[in-house]
Protein backbone atom coordinates (compact mmCIF):
# COMPACT_ATOMS: atom_id res chain seq x y z
CA MET A 1 -15.36 -22.07 19.64
CA SER A 2 -11.71 -21.20 20.18
CA PHE A 3 -8.77 -21.06 17.82
CA VAL A 4 -5.34 -22.33 18.78
CA GLY A 5 -2.20 -20.79 17.29
CA VAL A 6 -3.89 -17.74 15.78
CA GLU A 7 -1.82 -14.61 16.21
CA LYS A 8 -3.09 -11.05 16.15
CA PHE A 9 -1.24 -8.71 13.80
CA THR A 10 -1.27 -4.97 13.75
CA LYS A 11 -1.86 -3.18 10.43
CA ASP A 12 1.80 -2.23 10.02
CA GLU A 13 3.12 -5.78 10.32
CA PHE A 14 1.76 -6.88 6.93
CA LYS A 15 2.02 -3.58 5.07
CA GLU A 16 3.59 -4.41 1.70
CA LEU A 17 3.54 -2.18 -1.38
CA ILE A 18 1.33 -3.82 -4.00
CA MET A 19 1.28 -1.21 -6.76
CA VAL A 20 1.70 2.45 -7.66
CA VAL A 21 -0.96 4.21 -9.73
CA ASP A 22 -1.22 7.70 -11.22
CA ALA A 23 -4.09 10.18 -10.80
CA LEU A 24 -6.05 8.39 -13.56
CA GLY A 25 -5.74 5.00 -11.85
CA ARG A 26 -3.21 3.54 -14.30
CA LYS A 27 -0.52 1.28 -12.87
CA VAL A 28 2.86 3.05 -13.25
CA GLU A 29 6.47 2.83 -12.18
CA VAL A 30 7.66 5.13 -9.39
CA LYS A 31 8.71 8.48 -10.89
CA ARG A 32 9.97 11.71 -9.40
CA GLY A 33 7.91 14.89 -9.58
CA LEU A 34 4.54 13.25 -10.26
CA LEU A 35 1.59 12.70 -7.94
CA GLN A 36 1.26 8.96 -7.39
CA PHE A 37 -0.84 6.75 -5.14
CA TYR A 38 0.90 3.91 -3.30
CA ILE A 39 -1.44 0.99 -2.59
CA TYR A 40 -0.52 -1.40 0.22
CA SER A 41 -1.54 -4.94 1.09
CA ASP A 42 -3.42 -3.82 4.21
CA GLY A 43 -5.76 -1.69 2.07
CA SER A 44 -4.16 1.64 2.89
CA VAL A 45 -3.31 4.22 0.23
CA GLU A 46 -0.74 7.02 0.42
CA LYS A 47 -0.47 10.02 -1.91
CA ARG A 48 3.14 10.93 -2.66
CA VAL A 49 5.19 13.21 -4.87
CA LEU A 50 8.85 12.18 -4.87
CA ARG A 51 11.34 15.02 -5.22
């Protein structure tokens, strides 16, 4: 079986920020000085503290 018109995408091509959560897992707005977890559409998660 073959598929016509199917393109291969790398992880970074569809990486869109879905939500930001705090250390307790609550959805929050982006704030400076707090540890927050950025969750992306490709399933990746980044820990960040904005200064």
